[in-house]
Protein backbone atom coordinates (compact mmCIF):
# COMPACT_ATOMS: atom_id res chain seq x y z
CA MET A 1 -9.63 -27.07 -1.90
CA LEU A 2 -8.10 -24.23 0.08
CA GLN A 3 -6.74 -24.82 3.51
CA GLU A 4 -8.02 -22.28 5.98
CA LYS A 5 -5.29 -21.07 8.28
CA ALA A 6 -4.39 -17.98 10.22
CA PHE A 7 -2.38 -15.57 8.17
CA ASN A 8 -0.05 -13.47 10.25
CA LYS A 9 2.96 -11.32 9.55
CA SER A 10 5.40 -13.91 10.86
CA SER A 11 4.14 -16.64 8.52
CA ASN A 12 4.93 -17.14 4.84
CA ASN A 13 1.24 -16.61 4.12
CA TYR A 14 0.96 -12.97 5.16
CA LEU A 15 -0.87 -10.84 2.63
CA GLY A 16 -0.47 -7.09 2.95
CA ASN A 17 -3.24 -4.57 2.38
CA THR A 18 -2.00 -3.08 -0.87
CA GLY A 19 0.69 -3.57 -3.45
CA TYR A 20 1.59 -6.38 -5.81
CA ILE A 21 2.58 -9.99 -5.37
CA ARG A 22 4.27 -12.39 -7.76
CA LEU A 23 2.85 -15.72 -8.87
CA SER A 24 4.97 -17.78 -6.46
CA ASP A 25 3.40 -15.85 -3.57
CA VAL A 26 -0.12 -16.09 -5.03
CA LEU A 27 0.26 -19.85 -5.17
CA ARG A 28 0.90 -19.96 -1.41
CA PHE A 29 -2.73 -18.91 -0.98
CA PHE A 30 -4.11 -20.98 -3.86
CA PRO A 31 -2.32 -24.34 -3.95
CA VAL A 32 -2.70 -25.09 -7.65
CA SER A 33 -0.11 -25.53 -10.39
CA LYS A 34 1.11 -22.58 -12.43
CA SER A 35 -0.63 -23.95 -15.53
CA THR A 36 -3.91 -24.32 -13.62
CA TRP A 37 -3.60 -20.74 -12.33
CA TRP A 38 -2.92 -19.36 -15.82
CA ALA A 39 -5.85 -21.35 -17.25
CA GLY A 40 -8.06 -19.83 -14.53
CA VAL A 41 -6.82 -16.35 -15.44
CA LYS A 42 -7.65 -17.01 -19.08
CA GLU A 43 -11.14 -18.29 -18.17
CA GLY A 44 -11.77 -15.30 -15.87
CA LYS A 45 -11.91 -17.43 -12.69
CA PHE A 46 -8.80 -15.73 -11.30
CA PRO A 47 -7.81 -12.03 -11.46
CA ALA A 48 -5.85 -10.69 -14.40
CA PRO A 49 -2.21 -9.88 -13.76
CA VAL A 50 -0.52 -6.51 -14.10
CA LYS A 51 2.60 -6.22 -16.24
CA LEU A 52 5.04 -4.19 -14.12
CA THR A 53 7.94 -4.41 -16.55
CA GLU A 54 8.66 -6.33 -19.72
CA ARG A 55 9.69 -9.37 -17.67
CA THR A 56 7.73 -8.85 -14.43
CA THR A 57 4.13 -9.89 -13.95
CA ALA A 58 2.30 -9.52 -10.66
CA TRP A 59 -1.19 -9.41 -9.17
CA ARG A 60 -2.77 -6.62 -7.17
CA VAL A 61 -3.04 -7.61 -3.49
CA GLU A 62 -6.56 -6.17 -3.44
CA ASP A 63 -7.62 -8.57 -6.23
CA ILE A 64 -6.14 -11.58 -4.41
CA ARG A 65 -7.83 -10.52 -1.16
CA ALA A 66 -11.17 -10.26 -2.97
CA LEU A 67 -10.67 -13.73 -4.44
CA LEU A 68 -9.83 -15.15 -0.99
CA GLU A 69 -12.98 -13.56 0.42
CA SER A 70 -15.09 -14.97 -2.40
CA VAL A 71 -14.00 -18.51 -1.51
CA GLY A 72 -14.50 -17.89 2.20
CA CYS A 73 -10.88 -17.93 3.33
CA GLN A 74 -9.83 -15.82 6.33
CA HIS A 75 -6.68 -13.71 6.01
CA GLU A 76 -5.00 -10.71 7.64
């Protein structure tokens, strides 16, 4: 279950409007294990990542915002 909290720029849970975020930051908004997150990606429950470089995977902020909205979580 997600904890609803105020997301502001001074907190560790600030989510910008655009750009990319890494898995460690995604998991601040969705408190699940890495393996649970990846299983959700595979099942289509969570957004697909974007491969930025050979060794860098990230998620579009817009996709994470949409997922937060779909579960009813407020964010800035």
